[in-house]
PDB file of N, CA and C in Angstrom:
ATOM      1  N   MET A   1      -5.967   7.929 -13.848  1.00  0.00           N
ATOM      2  CA  MET A   1      -6.238   8.005 -12.431  1.00  0.00           C
ATOM      3  C   MET A   1      -7.682   8.400 -12.238  1.00  0.00           C
ATOM      4  N   GLN A   2      -8.272   7.842 -11.225  1.00  0.00           N
ATOM      5  CA  GLN A   2      -9.634   8.199 -10.896  1.00  0.00           C
ATOM      6  C   GLN A   2      -9.630   9.036  -9.630  1.00  0.00           C
ATOM      7  N   VAL A   3     -10.211  10.217  -9.719  1.00  0.00           N
ATOM      8  CA  VAL A   3     -10.382  11.084  -8.557  1.00  0.00           C
ATOM      9  C   VAL A   3     -11.879  11.245  -8.364  1.00  0.00           C
ATOM     10  N   VAL A   4     -12.358  10.918  -7.189  1.00  0.00           N
ATOM     11  CA  VAL A   4     -13.788  11.001  -6.924  1.00  0.00           C
ATOM     12  C   VAL A   4     -14.052  11.896  -5.723  1.00  0.00           C
ATOM     13  N   ILE A   5     -15.283  12.379  -5.644  1.00  0.00           N
ATOM     14  CA  ILE A   5     -15.704  13.165  -4.487  1.00  0.00           C
ATOM     15  C   ILE A   5     -16.092  12.196  -3.382  1.00  0.00           C
ATOM     16  N   ASP A   6     -15.705  12.501  -2.166  1.00  0.00           N
ATOM     17  CA  ASP A   6     -16.097  11.693  -1.027  1.00  0.00           C
ATOM     18  C   ASP A   6     -17.611  11.791  -0.875  1.00  0.00           C
ATOM     19  N   ALA A   7     -18.274  10.659  -0.847  1.00  0.00           N
ATOM     20  CA  ALA A   7     -19.732  10.638  -0.768  1.00  0.00           C
ATOM     21  C   ALA A   7     -20.235  11.292   0.514  1.00  0.00           C
ATOM     22  N   ARG A   8     -19.475  11.217   1.600  1.00  0.00           N
ATOM     23  CA  ARG A   8     -19.902  11.860   2.845  1.00  0.00           C
ATOM     24  C   ARG A   8     -20.020  13.359   2.660  1.00  0.00           C
ATOM     25  N   ALA A   9     -19.116  13.941   1.909  1.00  0.00           N
ATOM     26  CA  ALA A   9     -19.122  15.391   1.719  1.00  0.00           C
ATOM     27  C   ALA A   9     -20.267  15.823   0.822  1.00  0.00           C
ATOM     28  N   ALA A  10     -20.690  14.964  -0.080  1.00  0.00           N
ATOM     29  CA  ALA A  10     -21.741  15.330  -1.014  1.00  0.00           C
ATOM     30  C   ALA A  10     -23.133  15.158  -0.423  1.00  0.00           C
ATOM     31  N   ASN A  11     -23.255  14.403   0.669  1.00  0.00           N
ATOM     32  CA  ASN A  11     -24.561  14.101   1.228  1.00  0.00           C
ATOM     33  C   ASN A  11     -25.242  15.301   1.849  1.00  0.00           C
ATOM     34  N   SER A  12     -24.910  15.616   3.058  1.00  0.00           N
ATOM     35  CA  SER A  12     -25.641  16.630   3.799  1.00  0.00           C
ATOM     36  C   SER A  12     -24.707  17.712   4.310  1.00  0.00           C
ATOM     37  N   ALA A  13     -25.096  18.948   4.086  1.00  0.00           N
ATOM     38  CA  ALA A  13     -24.313  20.066   4.603  1.00  0.00           C
ATOM     39  C   ALA A  13     -24.696  20.351   6.053  1.00  0.00           C
ATOM     40  N   ALA A  14     -25.696  19.661   6.566  1.00  0.00           N
ATOM     41  CA  ALA A  14     -26.156  19.908   7.926  1.00  0.00           C
ATOM     42  C   ALA A  14     -25.143  19.423   8.961  1.00  0.00           C
ATOM     43  N   GLU A  15     -24.409  18.366   8.637  1.00  0.00           N
ATOM     44  CA  GLU A  15     -23.429  17.843   9.569  1.00  0.00           C
ATOM     45  C   GLU A  15     -22.091  18.514   9.355  1.00  0.00           C
ATOM     46  N   PRO A  16     -21.468  19.018  10.428  1.00  0.00           N
ATOM     47  CA  PRO A  16     -20.138  19.605  10.259  1.00  0.00           C
ATOM     48  C   PRO A  16     -19.137  18.524   9.886  1.00  0.00           C
ATOM     49  N   GLN A  17     -18.244  18.834   8.994  1.00  0.00           N
ATOM     50  CA  GLN A  17     -17.245  17.882   8.523  1.00  0.00           C
ATOM     51  C   GLN A  17     -15.879  18.249   9.084  1.00  0.00           C
ATOM     52  N   GLN A  18     -15.067  17.274   9.330  1.00  0.00           N
ATOM     53  CA  GLN A  18     -13.678  17.491   9.681  1.00  0.00           C
ATOM     54  C   GLN A  18     -12.865  17.212   8.425  1.00  0.00           C
ATOM     55  N   TYR A  19     -12.039  18.126   8.038  1.00  0.00           N
ATOM     56  CA  TYR A  19     -11.294  17.989   6.793  1.00  0.00           C
ATOM     57  C   TYR A  19      -9.837  17.640   7.053  1.00  0.00           C
ATOM     58  N   THR A  20      -9.637  16.576   7.804  1.00  0.00           N
ATOM     59  CA  THR A  20      -8.276  16.152   8.085  1.00  0.00           C
ATOM     60  C   THR A  20      -7.697  15.347   6.941  1.00  0.00           C
ATOM     61  N   GLU A  21      -8.539  14.748   6.136  1.00  0.00           N
ATOM     62  CA  GLU A  21      -8.080  13.980   4.983  1.00  0.00           C
ATOM     63  C   GLU A  21      -8.673  14.588   3.719  1.00  0.00           C
ATOM     64  N   ILE A  22      -8.036  15.611   3.227  1.00  0.00           N
ATOM     65  CA  ILE A  22      -8.513  16.289   2.028  1.00  0.00           C
ATOM     66  C   ILE A  22      -8.371  15.380   0.816  1.00  0.00           C
ATOM     67  N   LEU A  23      -7.336  14.563   0.816  1.00  0.00           N
ATOM     68  CA  LEU A  23      -7.151  13.566  -0.233  1.00  0.00           C
ATOM     69  C   LEU A  23      -6.865  12.246   0.462  1.00  0.00           C
ATOM     70  N   ALA A  24      -7.724  11.272   0.224  1.00  0.00           N
ATOM     71  CA  ALA A  24      -7.567   9.947   0.820  1.00  0.00           C
ATOM     72  C   ALA A  24      -7.487   8.912  -0.298  1.00  0.00           C
ATOM     73  N   GLN A  25      -7.078   7.718   0.074  1.00  0.00           N
ATOM     74  CA  GLN A  25      -6.978   6.636  -0.901  1.00  0.00           C
ATOM     75  C   GLN A  25      -8.094   5.644  -0.630  1.00  0.00           C
ATOM     76  N   GLY A  26      -8.911   5.379  -1.656  1.00  0.00           N
ATOM     77  CA  GLY A  26     -10.009   4.439  -1.534  1.00  0.00           C
ATOM     78  C   GLY A  26      -9.541   3.004  -1.644  1.00  0.00           C
ATOM     79  N   ARG A  27     -10.443   2.087  -1.382  1.00  0.00           N
ATOM     80  CA  ARG A  27     -10.119   0.655  -1.426  1.00  0.00           C
ATOM     81  C   ARG A  27      -9.652   0.202  -2.800  1.00  0.00           C
ATOM     82  N   ALA A  28     -10.266   0.715  -3.835  1.00  0.00           N
ATOM     83  CA  ALA A  28      -9.936   0.285  -5.200  1.00  0.00           C
ATOM     84  C   ALA A  28      -8.789   1.094  -5.793  1.00  0.00           C
ATOM     85  N   GLY A  29      -8.129   1.892  -4.974  1.00  0.00           N
ATOM     86  CA  GLY A  29      -7.007   2.684  -5.463  1.00  0.00           C
ATOM     87  C   GLY A  29      -7.373   4.073  -5.932  1.00  0.00           C
ATOM     88  N   ALA A  30      -8.667   4.391  -5.935  1.00  0.00           N
ATOM     89  CA  ALA A  30      -9.082   5.733  -6.345  1.00  0.00           C
ATOM     90  C   ALA A  30      -8.653   6.744  -5.289  1.00  0.00           C
ATOM     91  N   TRP A  31      -8.328   7.926  -5.725  1.00  0.00           N
ATOM     92  CA  TRP A  31      -8.008   9.011  -4.803  1.00  0.00           C
ATOM     93  C   TRP A  31      -9.295   9.777  -4.547  1.00  0.00           C
ATOM     94  N   ILE A  32      -9.628   9.966  -3.287  1.00  0.00           N
ATOM     95  CA  ILE A  32     -10.905  10.547  -2.909  1.00  0.00           C
ATOM     96  C   ILE A  32     -10.688  11.952  -2.356  1.00  0.00           C
ATOM     97  N   LEU A  33     -11.266  12.939  -3.035  1.00  0.00           N
ATOM     98  CA  LEU A  33     -11.186  14.333  -2.580  1.00  0.00           C
ATOM     99  C   LEU A  33     -12.310  14.613  -1.598  1.00  0.00           C
ATOM    100  N   ASN A  34     -11.980  15.268  -0.516  1.00  0.00           N
ATOM    101  CA  ASN A  34     -12.954  15.690   0.477  1.00  0.00           C
ATOM    102  C   ASN A  34     -12.662  17.155   0.789  1.00  0.00           C
ATOM    103  N   LEU A  35     -12.983  18.014  -0.182  1.00  0.00           N
ATOM    104  CA  LEU A  35     -12.660  19.438  -0.060  1.00  0.00           C
ATOM    105  C   LEU A  35     -13.633  20.158   0.858  1.00  0.00           C
ATOM    106  N   PRO A  36     -13.161  21.218   1.509  1.00  0.00           N
ATOM    107  CA  PRO A  36     -14.064  22.072   2.287  1.00  0.00           C
ATOM    108  C   PRO A  36     -15.123  22.685   1.363  1.00  0.00           C
ATOM    109  N   PRO A  37     -16.304  22.982   1.890  1.00  0.00           N
ATOM    110  CA  PRO A  37     -17.389  23.503   1.054  1.00  0.00           C
ATOM    111  C   PRO A  37     -17.006  24.731   0.233  1.00  0.00           C
ATOM    112  N   GLU A  38     -16.197  25.609   0.800  1.00  0.00           N
ATOM    113  CA  GLU A  38     -15.829  26.846   0.113  1.00  0.00           C
ATOM    114  C   GLU A  38     -15.025  26.591  -1.164  1.00  0.00           C
ATOM    115  N   LEU A  39     -14.389  25.435  -1.252  1.00  0.00           N
ATOM    116  CA  LEU A  39     -13.494  25.159  -2.383  1.00  0.00           C
ATOM    117  C   LEU A  39     -14.071  24.183  -3.395  1.00  0.00           C
ATOM    118  N   ARG A  40     -15.200  23.588  -3.097  1.00  0.00           N
ATOM    119  CA  ARG A  40     -15.757  22.567  -3.999  1.00  0.00           C
ATOM    120  C   ARG A  40     -16.115  23.116  -5.373  1.00  0.00           C
ATOM    121  N   VAL A  41     -16.438  24.397  -5.460  1.00  0.00           N
ATOM    122  CA  VAL A  41     -16.769  24.988  -6.748  1.00  0.00           C
ATOM    123  C   VAL A  41     -15.565  24.945  -7.696  1.00  0.00           C
ATOM    124  N   ASN A  42     -14.362  24.908  -7.142  1.00  0.00           N
ATOM    125  CA  ASN A  42     -13.134  24.865  -7.940  1.00  0.00           C
ATOM    126  C   ASN A  42     -12.502  23.478  -7.980  1.00  0.00           C
ATOM    127  N   GLN A  43     -13.238  22.467  -7.580  1.00  0.00           N
ATOM    128  CA  GLN A  43     -12.691  21.113  -7.485  1.00  0.00           C
ATOM    129  C   GLN A  43     -12.130  20.619  -8.812  1.00  0.00           C
ATOM    130  N   HIS A  44     -12.739  21.025  -9.917  1.00  0.00           N
ATOM    131  CA  HIS A  44     -12.266  20.574 -11.226  1.00  0.00           C
ATOM    132  C   HIS A  44     -10.805  20.957 -11.459  1.00  0.00           C
ATOM    133  N   GLU A  45     -10.374  22.067 -10.866  1.00  0.00           N
ATOM    134  CA  GLU A  45      -8.988  22.516 -11.041  1.00  0.00           C
ATOM    135  C   GLU A  45      -8.002  21.546 -10.400  1.00  0.00           C
ATOM    136  N   ILE A  46      -8.250  21.140  -9.151  1.00  0.00           N
ATOM    137  CA  ILE A  46      -7.321  20.236  -8.476  1.00  0.00           C
ATOM    138  C   ILE A  46      -7.404  18.835  -9.077  1.00  0.00           C
ATOM    139  N   GLU A  47      -8.593  18.430  -9.526  1.00  0.00           N
ATOM    140  CA  GLU A  47      -8.709  17.132 -10.190  1.00  0.00           C
ATOM    141  C   GLU A  47      -7.851  17.099 -11.451  1.00  0.00           C
ATOM    142  N   ALA A  48      -7.922  18.161 -12.247  1.00  0.00           N
ATOM    143  CA  ALA A  48      -7.130  18.232 -13.482  1.00  0.00           C
ATOM    144  C   ALA A  48      -5.635  18.245 -13.174  1.00  0.00           C
ATOM    145  N   LEU A  49      -5.242  18.987 -12.157  1.00  0.00           N
ATOM    146  CA  LEU A  49      -3.836  19.058 -11.780  1.00  0.00           C
ATOM    147  C   LEU A  49      -3.319  17.695 -11.321  1.00  0.00           C
ATOM    148  N   LEU A  50      -4.063  17.034 -10.454  1.00  0.00           N
ATOM    149  CA  LEU A  50      -3.651  15.712  -9.975  1.00  0.00           C
ATOM    150  C   LEU A  50      -3.567  14.708 -11.115  1.00  0.00           C
ATOM    151  N   THR A  51      -4.527  14.752 -12.008  1.00  0.00           N
ATOM    152  CA  THR A  51      -4.526  13.834 -13.149  1.00  0.00           C
ATOM    153  C   THR A  51      -3.330  14.098 -14.045  1.00  0.00           C
ATOM    154  N   ARG A  52      -3.055  15.356 -14.314  1.00  0.00           N
ATOM    155  CA  ARG A  52      -1.944  15.716 -15.196  1.00  0.00           C
ATOM    156  C   ARG A  52      -0.594  15.289 -14.601  1.00  0.00           C
ATOM    157  N   VAL A  53      -0.426  15.464 -13.310  1.00  0.00           N
ATOM    158  CA  VAL A  53       0.858  15.182 -12.671  1.00  0.00           C
ATOM    159  C   VAL A  53       1.043  13.702 -12.346  1.00  0.00           C
ATOM    160  N   PHE A  54      -0.015  13.036 -11.879  1.00  0.00           N
ATOM    161  CA  PHE A  54       0.157  11.691 -11.328  1.00  0.00           C
ATOM    162  C   PHE A  54      -0.499  10.572 -12.131  1.00  0.00           C
ATOM    163  N   ASP A  55      -1.067  10.835 -13.271  1.00  0.00           N
ATOM    164  CA  ASP A  55      -1.756   9.808 -14.042  1.00  0.00           C
ATOM    165  C   ASP A  55      -0.830   8.625 -14.318  1.00  0.00           C
ATOM    166  N   GLY A  56      -1.243   7.442 -13.857  1.00  0.00           N
ATOM    167  CA  GLY A  56      -0.479   6.227 -14.091  1.00  0.00           C
ATOM    168  C   GLY A  56       0.726   6.057 -13.185  1.00  0.00           C
ATOM    169  N   LYS A  57       0.882   6.923 -12.197  1.00  0.00           N
ATOM    170  CA  LYS A  57       2.053   6.869 -11.309  1.00  0.00           C
ATOM    171  C   LYS A  57       1.597   6.688  -9.872  1.00  0.00           C
ATOM    172  N   PHE A  58       1.001   5.539  -9.591  1.00  0.00           N
ATOM    173  CA  PHE A  58       0.477   5.273  -8.264  1.00  0.00           C
ATOM    174  C   PHE A  58       1.540   4.614  -7.393  1.00  0.00           C
ATOM    175  N   SER A  59       1.867   5.256  -6.297  1.00  0.00           N
ATOM    176  CA  SER A  59       2.760   4.692  -5.291  1.00  0.00           C
ATOM    177  C   SER A  59       2.483   5.430  -3.997  1.00  0.00           C
ATOM    178  N   ASP A  60       2.935   4.856  -2.890  1.00  0.00           N
ATOM    179  CA  ASP A  60       2.732   5.522  -1.602  1.00  0.00           C
ATOM    180  C   ASP A  60       3.434   6.880  -1.577  1.00  0.00           C
ATOM    181  N   GLU A  61       4.617   6.928  -2.148  1.00  0.00           N
ATOM    182  CA  GLU A  61       5.368   8.181  -2.179  1.00  0.00           C
ATOM    183  C   GLU A  61       4.632   9.240  -3.005  1.00  0.00           C
ATOM    184  N   ASN A  62       4.102   8.856  -4.161  1.00  0.00           N
ATOM    185  CA  ASN A  62       3.355   9.803  -4.990  1.00  0.00           C
ATOM    186  C   ASN A  62       2.057  10.224  -4.317  1.00  0.00           C
ATOM    187  N   PHE A  63       1.418   9.316  -3.591  1.00  0.00           N
ATOM    188  CA  PHE A  63       0.188   9.678  -2.898  1.00  0.00           C
ATOM    189  C   PHE A  63       0.468  10.736  -1.836  1.00  0.00           C
ATOM    190  N   GLN A  64       1.546  10.572  -1.083  1.00  0.00           N
ATOM    191  CA  GLN A  64       1.905  11.568  -0.078  1.00  0.00           C
ATOM    192  C   GLN A  64       2.197  12.915  -0.731  1.00  0.00           C
ATOM    193  N   LEU A  65       2.854  12.886  -1.865  1.00  0.00           N
ATOM    194  CA  LEU A  65       3.128  14.117  -2.605  1.00  0.00           C
ATOM    195  C   LEU A  65       1.822  14.749  -3.097  1.00  0.00           C
ATOM    196  N   ALA A  66       0.901  13.922  -3.576  1.00  0.00           N
ATOM    197  CA  ALA A  66      -0.399  14.419  -4.033  1.00  0.00           C
ATOM    198  C   ALA A  66      -1.189  15.025  -2.884  1.00  0.00           C
ATOM    199  N   GLN A  67      -1.107  14.418  -1.700  1.00  0.00           N
ATOM    200  CA  GLN A  67      -1.780  14.988  -0.535  1.00  0.00           C
ATOM    201  C   GLN A  67      -1.235  16.380  -0.229  1.00  0.00           C
ATOM    202  N   GLN A  68       0.084  16.505  -0.229  1.00  0.00           N
ATOM    203  CA  GLN A  68       0.685  17.806   0.069  1.00  0.00           C
ATOM    204  C   GLN A  68       0.334  18.826  -1.010  1.00  0.00           C
ATOM    205  N   MET A  69       0.318  18.396  -2.265  1.00  0.00           N
ATOM    206  CA  MET A  69      -0.046  19.285  -3.360  1.00  0.00           C
ATOM    207  C   MET A  69      -1.488  19.777  -3.185  1.00  0.00           C
ATOM    208  N   THR A  70      -2.363  18.883  -2.778  1.00  0.00           N
ATOM    209  CA  THR A  70      -3.769  19.244  -2.582  1.00  0.00           C
ATOM    210  C   THR A  70      -3.924  20.229  -1.428  1.00  0.00           C
ATOM    211  N   ILE A  71      -3.219  20.007  -0.343  1.00  0.00           N
ATOM    212  CA  ILE A  71      -3.267  20.941   0.787  1.00  0.00           C
ATOM    213  C   ILE A  71      -2.742  22.305   0.362  1.00  0.00           C
ATOM    214  N   ASN A  72      -1.628  22.322  -0.355  1.00  0.00           N
ATOM    215  CA  ASN A  72      -1.072  23.596  -0.832  1.00  0.00           C
ATOM    216  C   ASN A  72      -2.045  24.312  -1.757  1.00  0.00           C
ATOM    217  N   TRP A  73      -2.712  23.559  -2.627  1.00  0.00           N
ATOM    218  CA  TRP A  73      -3.705  24.139  -3.536  1.00  0.00           C
ATOM    219  C   TRP A  73      -4.832  24.772  -2.727  1.00  0.00           C
ATOM    220  N   CYS A  74      -5.304  24.070  -1.697  1.00  0.00           N
ATOM    221  CA  CYS A  74      -6.381  24.599  -0.855  1.00  0.00           C
ATOM    222  C   CYS A  74      -5.956  25.893  -0.167  1.00  0.00           C
ATOM    223  N   LEU A  75      -4.771  25.894   0.403  1.00  0.00           N
ATOM    224  CA  LEU A  75      -4.287  27.095   1.078  1.00  0.00           C
ATOM    225  C   LEU A  75      -4.160  28.262   0.111  1.00  0.00           C
ATOM    226  N   SER A  76      -3.683  27.985  -1.097  1.00  0.00           N
ATOM    227  CA  SER A  76      -3.568  29.024  -2.118  1.00  0.00           C
ATOM    228  C   SER A  76      -4.942  29.581  -2.496  1.00  0.00           C
ATOM    229  N   LYS A  77      -5.912  28.689  -2.651  1.00  0.00           N
ATOM    230  CA  LYS A  77      -7.272  29.127  -2.991  1.00  0.00           C
ATOM    231  C   LYS A  77      -7.851  30.000  -1.882  1.00  0.00           C
ATOM    232  N   TYR A  78      -7.635  29.590  -0.648  1.00  0.00           N
ATOM    233  CA  TYR A  78      -8.118  30.401   0.473  1.00  0.00           C
ATOM    234  C   TYR A  78      -7.508  31.796   0.432  1.00  0.00           C
ATOM    235  N   ARG A  79      -6.201  31.882   0.188  1.00  0.00           N
ATOM    236  CA  ARG A  79      -5.549  33.201   0.120  1.00  0.00           C
ATOM    237  C   ARG A  79      -6.152  34.041  -1.003  1.00  0.00           C
ATOM    238  N   LYS A  80      -6.360  33.437  -2.170  1.00  0.00           N
ATOM    239  CA  LYS A  80      -6.938  34.171  -3.305  1.00  0.00           C
ATOM    240  C   LYS A  80      -8.354  34.651  -3.006  1.00  0.00           C
ATOM    241  N   MET A  81      -9.084  33.906  -2.171  1.00  0.00           N
ATOM    242  CA  MET A  81     -10.451  34.267  -1.821  1.00  0.00           C
ATOM    243  C   MET A  81     -10.489  35.253  -0.649  1.00  0.00           C
ATOM    244  N   GLY A  82      -9.328  35.545  -0.075  1.00  0.00           N
ATOM    245  CA  GLY A  82      -9.274  36.440   1.065  1.00  0.00           C
ATOM    246  C   GLY A  82      -9.768  35.803   2.348  1.00  0.00           C
ATOM    247  N   LEU A  83      -9.731  34.483   2.407  1.00  0.00           N
ATOM    248  CA  LEU A  83     -10.192  33.750   3.581  1.00  0.00           C
ATOM    249  C   LEU A  83      -9.014  33.103   4.292  1.00  0.00           C
ATOM    250  N   SER A  84      -9.233  32.763   5.526  1.00  0.00           N
ATOM    251  CA  SER A  84      -8.251  31.998   6.282  1.00  0.00           C
ATOM    252  C   SER A  84      -8.833  30.610   6.516  1.00  0.00           C
ATOM    253  N   PRO A  85      -8.041  29.564   6.336  1.00  0.00           N
ATOM    254  CA  PRO A  85      -8.568  28.224   6.615  1.00  0.00           C
ATOM    255  C   PRO A  85      -8.977  28.068   8.075  1.00  0.00           C
ATOM    256  N   HIS A  86      -8.442  28.894   8.960  1.00  0.00           N
ATOM    257  CA  HIS A  86      -8.794  28.828  10.362  1.00  0.00           C
ATOM    258  C   HIS A  86     -10.189  29.387  10.635  1.00  0.00           C
ATOM    259  N   ASP A  87     -10.743  30.129   9.683  1.00  0.00           N
ATOM    260  CA  ASP A  87     -12.088  30.688   9.824  1.00  0.00           C
ATOM    261  C   ASP A  87     -13.143  29.770   9.234  1.00  0.00           C
ATOM    262  N   THR A  88     -12.759  28.591   8.820  1.00  0.00           N
ATOM    263  CA  THR A  88     -13.688  27.650   8.176  1.00  0.00           C
ATOM    264  C   THR A  88     -13.770  26.385   8.989  1.00  0.00           C
ATOM    265  N   GLU A  89     -14.561  25.450   8.495  1.00  0.00           N
ATOM    266  CA  GLU A  89     -14.704  24.139   9.136  1.00  0.00           C
ATOM    267  C   GLU A  89     -13.554  23.203   8.796  1.00  0.00           C
ATOM    268  N   TRP A  90     -12.615  23.683   7.950  1.00  0.00           N
ATOM    269  CA  TRP A  90     -11.572  22.815   7.421  1.00  0.00           C
ATOM    270  C   TRP A  90     -10.689  22.236   8.499  1.00  0.00           C
ATOM    271  N   LEU A  91     -10.204  23.066   9.411  1.00  0.00           N
ATOM    272  CA  LEU A  91      -9.242  22.596  10.409  1.00  0.00           C
ATOM    273  C   LEU A  91      -9.908  22.160  11.685  1.00  0.00           C
TER     274      LEU A  91
END
């Protein structure tokens, strides 16, 4: 499975981002991560988890499950950091 960073998120931090699609599906089937800035330092963790769980198992049902897993991972990271997702640009 290929997981890539959304190019919009990597470009400029000057523009506020809406993080409604933390995990999206690209045209070529790649899964595109668009993590909030606070969590990008730990992006390798969710990439490894998604690869381990879903490698070679591409379907709409698995993609929806991967989206939920990614959201849960983000919420867990926020709790561990002592932050609320409501205090960030994420929501």
